[in-house]
Amino acid sequence: MSAQRPSDAELAAHPAAYWTGVAHEALIAFVRAQLAELGLTQPQYWLLRNLSEDDLSPDGRGMSVPELQQAMSTYLRREDDLNSEAEILLKRGWLTADGEGRLWITEAGDEARAAIKQHVPAIRDRIHHGIDDADHLTALMVLQQMIRNTGDRPGAPRT
């Protein structure tokens, strides 16, 4: 027997924290599966993005794994192992390491990053299917207000 959708009144009484947690896990799993189909993990993509001066790196300079972990601290998951992920990218020739342990993106790595980034709008479109921008904006504004109501400050994500 399938569960029926709760009424609007019942749904309104559900804890937001439950649904934000379910949504978070579902969205992360979906994005990671989409990236896996493209041949890399989300942490590998983040490494490339954080090392590219054409993306998140402010200056294109190399960074150590601890520096990268700090830069990604708001979105890394407990299970993400940047050392292992970087090793894979080093073997692919997408990263190189200097004598001081800093990682640098290679031309091939930056080309791969740019190619993967072209798929991001399609991934977003799949996630947002059936949701207009006004509803998306309303949902984000509600979540930000809930964050403020708890005494915290909503931060801007790094896309």
C-alpha atoms as a PDB file:
ATOM      1  CA  MET A   1       0.000   0.000   0.000  1.00  0.00           C
ATOM      2  CA  SER A   2       1.480   3.376  -0.957  1.00  0.00           C
ATOM      3  CA  ALA A   3       1.565   6.260   1.448  1.00  0.00           C
ATOM      4  CA  GLN A   4      -0.733   9.132   0.625  1.00  0.00           C
ATOM      5  CA  ARG A   5       0.557  12.665   0.459  1.00  0.00           C
ATOM      6  CA  PRO A   6      -0.154  14.478   3.714  1.00  0.00           C
ATOM      7  CA  SER A   7      -2.629  17.345   3.603  1.00  0.00           C
ATOM      8  CA  ASP A   8      -1.223  20.866   3.374  1.00  0.00           C
ATOM      9  CA  ALA A   9      -1.988  21.377   7.080  1.00  0.00           C
ATOM     10  CA  GLU A  10      -0.181  18.147   8.001  1.00  0.00           C
ATOM     11  CA  LEU A  11       2.761  18.997   5.773  1.00  0.00           C
ATOM     12  CA  ALA A  12       2.996  22.498   7.245  1.00  0.00           C
ATOM     13  CA  ALA A  13       3.397  20.895  10.685  1.00  0.00           C
ATOM     14  CA  HIS A  14       6.375  18.766   9.554  1.00  0.00           C
ATOM     15  CA  PRO A  15       9.779  19.875  10.846  1.00  0.00           C
ATOM     16  CA  ALA A  16      11.692  21.862   8.239  1.00  0.00           C
ATOM     17  CA  ALA A  17      14.959  20.352   9.474  1.00  0.00           C
ATOM     18  CA  TYR A  18      13.787  16.885   8.446  1.00  0.00           C
ATOM     19  CA  TRP A  19      12.919  17.952   4.905  1.00  0.00           C
ATOM     20  CA  THR A  20      16.022  20.098   4.441  1.00  0.00           C
ATOM     21  CA  GLY A  21      18.106  17.085   5.498  1.00  0.00           C
ATOM     22  CA  VAL A  22      16.298  14.746   3.107  1.00  0.00           C
ATOM     23  CA  ALA A  23      16.629  17.291   0.296  1.00  0.00           C
ATOM     24  CA  HIS A  24      20.315  17.840   1.040  1.00  0.00           C
ATOM     25  CA  GLU A  25      21.140  14.133   0.894  1.00  0.00           C
ATOM     26  CA  ALA A  26      19.056  13.558  -2.245  1.00  0.00           C
ATOM     27  CA  LEU A  27      20.576  16.519  -4.076  1.00  0.00           C
ATOM     28  CA  ILE A  28      24.154  15.618  -3.123  1.00  0.00           C
ATOM     29  CA  ALA A  29      23.607  11.997  -4.193  1.00  0.00           C
ATOM     30  CA  PHE A  30      22.099  13.129  -7.506  1.00  0.00           C
ATOM     31  CA  VAL A  31      24.901  15.590  -8.307  1.00  0.00           C
ATOM     32  CA  ARG A  32      27.564  13.037  -7.369  1.00  0.00           C
ATOM     33  CA  ALA A  33      25.926  10.400  -9.576  1.00  0.00           C
ATOM     34  CA  GLN A  34      25.775  12.843 -12.495  1.00  0.00           C
ATOM     35  CA  LEU A  35      29.469  13.717 -12.085  1.00  0.00           C
ATOM     36  CA  ALA A  36      30.360  10.026 -11.797  1.00  0.00           C
ATOM     37  CA  GLU A  37      28.717   9.473 -15.193  1.00  0.00           C
ATOM     38  CA  LEU A  38      31.090  12.158 -16.495  1.00  0.00           C
ATOM     39  CA  GLY A  39      34.082  10.311 -15.038  1.00  0.00           C
ATOM     40  CA  LEU A  40      34.963  12.080 -11.824  1.00  0.00           C
ATOM     41  CA  THR A  41      33.889  12.584  -8.257  1.00  0.00           C
ATOM     42  CA  GLN A  42      32.506  15.782  -6.807  1.00  0.00           C
ATOM     43  CA  PRO A  43      35.624  16.296  -4.626  1.00  0.00           C
ATOM     44  CA  GLN A  44      37.812  15.899  -7.738  1.00  0.00           C
ATOM     45  CA  TYR A  45      35.732  18.531  -9.499  1.00  0.00           C
ATOM     46  CA  TRP A  46      36.075  20.821  -6.493  1.00  0.00           C
ATOM     47  CA  LEU A  47      39.853  20.345  -6.495  1.00  0.00           C
ATOM     48  CA  LEU A  48      40.028  21.357 -10.139  1.00  0.00           C
ATOM     49  CA  ARG A  49      37.742  24.345  -9.578  1.00  0.00           C
ATOM     50  CA  ASN A  50      39.647  25.578  -6.527  1.00  0.00           C
ATOM     51  CA  LEU A  51      42.964  25.389  -8.373  1.00  0.00           C
ATOM     52  CA  SER A  52      41.837  27.053 -11.608  1.00  0.00           C
ATOM     53  CA  GLU A  53      42.275  30.798 -11.936  1.00  0.00           C
ATOM     54  CA  ASP A  54      39.432  30.606 -14.464  1.00  0.00           C
ATOM     55  CA  ASP A  55      37.116  29.365 -11.708  1.00  0.00           C
ATOM     56  CA  LEU A  56      37.303  29.590  -7.894  1.00  0.00           C
ATOM     57  CA  SER A  57      41.027  30.257  -7.391  1.00  0.00           C
ATOM     58  CA  PRO A  58      41.615  33.966  -6.817  1.00  0.00           C
ATOM     59  CA  ASP A  59      45.144  33.846  -8.255  1.00  0.00           C
ATOM     60  CA  GLY A  60      45.763  30.430  -9.850  1.00  0.00           C
ATOM     61  CA  ARG A  61      48.466  29.630  -7.319  1.00  0.00           C
ATOM     62  CA  GLY A  62      49.045  26.122  -6.103  1.00  0.00           C
ATOM     63  CA  MET A  63      47.627  25.029  -2.770  1.00  0.00           C
ATOM     64  CA  SER A  64      48.424  22.264  -0.320  1.00  0.00           C
ATOM     65  CA  VAL A  65      45.784  19.688   0.557  1.00  0.00           C
ATOM     66  CA  PRO A  66      45.249  21.317   4.001  1.00  0.00           C
ATOM     67  CA  GLU A  67      44.767  24.695   2.296  1.00  0.00           C
ATOM     68  CA  LEU A  68      42.278  23.121  -0.108  1.00  0.00           C
ATOM     69  CA  GLN A  69      40.462  21.447   2.786  1.00  0.00           C
ATOM     70  CA  GLN A  70      40.173  24.850   4.460  1.00  0.00           C
ATOM     71  CA  ALA A  71      38.935  26.482   1.248  1.00  0.00           C
ATOM     72  CA  MET A  72      36.295  23.748   0.880  1.00  0.00           C
ATOM     73  CA  SER A  73      35.424  23.405   4.563  1.00  0.00           C
ATOM     74  CA  THR A  74      31.822  24.561   4.148  1.00  0.00           C
ATOM     75  CA  TYR A  75      30.957  21.896   1.588  1.00  0.00           C
ATOM     76  CA  LEU A  76      33.293  18.933   2.053  1.00  0.00           C
ATOM     77  CA  ARG A  77      31.576  15.863   3.439  1.00  0.00           C
ATOM     78  CA  ARG A  78      33.033  13.751   6.208  1.00  0.00           C
ATOM     79  CA  GLU A  79      33.741  10.907   3.796  1.00  0.00           C
ATOM     80  CA  ASP A  80      35.603  13.089   1.272  1.00  0.00           C
ATOM     81  CA  ASP A  81      39.339  12.295   1.231  1.00  0.00           C
ATOM     82  CA  LEU A  82      41.124  15.030  -0.690  1.00  0.00           C
ATOM     83  CA  ASN A  83      44.482  13.265  -0.496  1.00  0.00           C
ATOM     84  CA  SER A  84      43.098  10.214  -2.324  1.00  0.00           C
ATOM     85  CA  GLU A  85      41.137  12.332  -4.774  1.00  0.00           C
ATOM     86  CA  ALA A  86      44.211  14.446  -5.562  1.00  0.00           C
ATOM     87  CA  GLU A  87      46.281  11.287  -6.149  1.00  0.00           C
ATOM     88  CA  ILE A  88      43.824  10.185  -8.830  1.00  0.00           C
ATOM     89  CA  LEU A  89      44.023  13.586 -10.527  1.00  0.00           C
ATOM     90  CA  LEU A  90      47.830  13.530 -10.319  1.00  0.00           C
ATOM     91  CA  LYS A  91      47.854  10.121 -12.058  1.00  0.00           C
ATOM     92  CA  ARG A  92      45.521  11.463 -14.767  1.00  0.00           C
ATOM     93  CA  GLY A  93      47.863  14.387 -15.345  1.00  0.00           C
ATOM     94  CA  TRP A  94      45.186  16.893 -14.362  1.00  0.00           C
ATOM     95  CA  LEU A  95      47.188  18.082 -11.362  1.00  0.00           C
ATOM     96  CA  THR A  96      50.878  18.343 -10.643  1.00  0.00           C
ATOM     97  CA  ALA A  97      52.654  18.783  -7.315  1.00  0.00           C
ATOM     98  CA  ASP A  98      55.648  20.947  -6.529  1.00  0.00           C
ATOM     99  CA  GLY A  99      58.458  20.204  -4.072  1.00  0.00           C
ATOM    100  CA  GLU A 100      56.603  21.993  -1.270  1.00  0.00           C
ATOM    101  CA  GLY A 101      53.483  19.834  -1.522  1.00  0.00           C
ATOM    102  CA  ARG A 102      51.332  22.353  -3.357  1.00  0.00           C
ATOM    103  CA  LEU A 103      49.015  21.092  -6.053  1.00  0.00           C
ATOM    104  CA  TRP A 104      48.692  22.911  -9.342  1.00  0.00           C
ATOM    105  CA  ILE A 105      46.145  22.397 -12.099  1.00  0.00           C
ATOM    106  CA  THR A 106      47.586  21.409 -15.462  1.00  0.00           C
ATOM    107  CA  GLU A 107      46.369  22.554 -18.844  1.00  0.00           C
ATOM    108  CA  ALA A 108      44.712  19.140 -19.302  1.00  0.00           C
ATOM    109  CA  GLY A 109      43.089  19.463 -15.878  1.00  0.00           C
ATOM    110  CA  ASP A 110      41.743  22.895 -16.680  1.00  0.00           C
ATOM    111  CA  GLU A 111      40.383  21.655 -19.999  1.00  0.00           C
ATOM    112  CA  ALA A 112      38.672  18.771 -18.166  1.00  0.00           C
ATOM    113  CA  ARG A 113      37.255  21.195 -15.569  1.00  0.00           C
ATOM    114  CA  ALA A 114      35.864  23.441 -18.296  1.00  0.00           C
ATOM    115  CA  ALA A 115      34.355  20.465 -20.153  1.00  0.00           C
ATOM    116  CA  ILE A 116      32.664  19.167 -16.986  1.00  0.00           C
ATOM    117  CA  LYS A 117      31.417  22.662 -16.100  1.00  0.00           C
ATOM    118  CA  GLN A 118      29.505  22.756 -19.389  1.00  0.00           C
ATOM    119  CA  HIS A 119      27.285  19.970 -17.995  1.00  0.00           C
ATOM    120  CA  VAL A 120      26.352  21.895 -14.823  1.00  0.00           C
ATOM    121  CA  PRO A 121      23.403  23.798 -16.371  1.00  0.00           C
ATOM    122  CA  ALA A 122      21.818  20.509 -17.496  1.00  0.00           C
ATOM    123  CA  ILE A 123      22.270  19.037 -14.009  1.00  0.00           C
ATOM    124  CA  ARG A 124      20.660  22.144 -12.516  1.00  0.00           C
ATOM    125  CA  ASP A 125      17.818  21.928 -15.039  1.00  0.00           C
ATOM    126  CA  ARG A 126      17.075  18.329 -14.014  1.00  0.00           C
ATOM    127  CA  ILE A 127      17.000  19.321 -10.339  1.00  0.00           C
ATOM    128  CA  HIS A 128      14.777  22.341 -11.041  1.00  0.00           C
ATOM    129  CA  HIS A 129      12.399  20.583 -13.453  1.00  0.00           C
ATOM    130  CA  GLY A 130       8.837  21.714 -12.715  1.00  0.00           C
ATOM    131  CA  ILE A 131       9.983  24.496 -10.357  1.00  0.00           C
ATOM    132  CA  ASP A 132       9.856  28.027 -11.651  1.00  0.00           C
ATOM    133  CA  ASP A 133      12.459  30.574 -10.593  1.00  0.00           C
ATOM    134  CA  ALA A 134       9.943  32.469  -8.421  1.00  0.00           C
ATOM    135  CA  ASP A 135       9.169  29.331  -6.377  1.00  0.00           C
ATOM    136  CA  HIS A 136      12.861  28.513  -6.111  1.00  0.00           C
ATOM    137  CA  LEU A 137      13.548  32.050  -4.894  1.00  0.00           C
ATOM    138  CA  THR A 138      10.715  31.830  -2.359  1.00  0.00           C
ATOM    139  CA  ALA A 139      12.053  28.529  -1.012  1.00  0.00           C
ATOM    140  CA  LEU A 140      15.544  29.983  -0.597  1.00  0.00           C
ATOM    141  CA  MET A 141      14.212  33.127   1.066  1.00  0.00           C
ATOM    142  CA  VAL A 142      12.181  31.010   3.513  1.00  0.00           C
ATOM    143  CA  LEU A 143      15.250  28.899   4.342  1.00  0.00           C
ATOM    144  CA  GLN A 144      17.377  32.011   4.842  1.00  0.00           C
ATOM    145  CA  GLN A 145      14.758  33.488   7.174  1.00  0.00           C
ATOM    146  CA  MET A 146      14.698  30.246   9.174  1.00  0.00           C
ATOM    147  CA  ILE A 147      18.483  30.469   9.462  1.00  0.00           C
ATOM    148  CA  ARG A 148      18.228  34.065  10.702  1.00  0.00           C
ATOM    149  CA  ASN A 149      15.466  33.014  13.129  1.00  0.00           C
ATOM    150  CA  THR A 150      17.914  30.590  14.748  1.00  0.00           C
ATOM    151  CA  GLY A 151      20.421  33.383  15.330  1.00  0.00           C
ATOM    152  CA  ASP A 152      22.735  32.352  12.513  1.00  0.00           C
ATOM    153  CA  ARG A 153      23.568  34.138   9.271  1.00  0.00           C
ATOM    154  CA  PRO A 154      22.941  32.572   5.883  1.00  0.00           C
ATOM    155  CA  GLY A 155      26.112  32.460   3.817  1.00  0.00           C
ATOM    156  CA  ALA A 156      26.443  32.484   0.083  1.00  0.00           C
ATOM    157  CA  PRO A 157      27.285  29.141  -1.519  1.00  0.00           C
ATOM    158  CA  ARG A 158      30.256  28.707  -3.803  1.00  0.00           C
ATOM    159  CA  THR A 159      28.841  27.513  -7.098  1.00  0.00           C
END
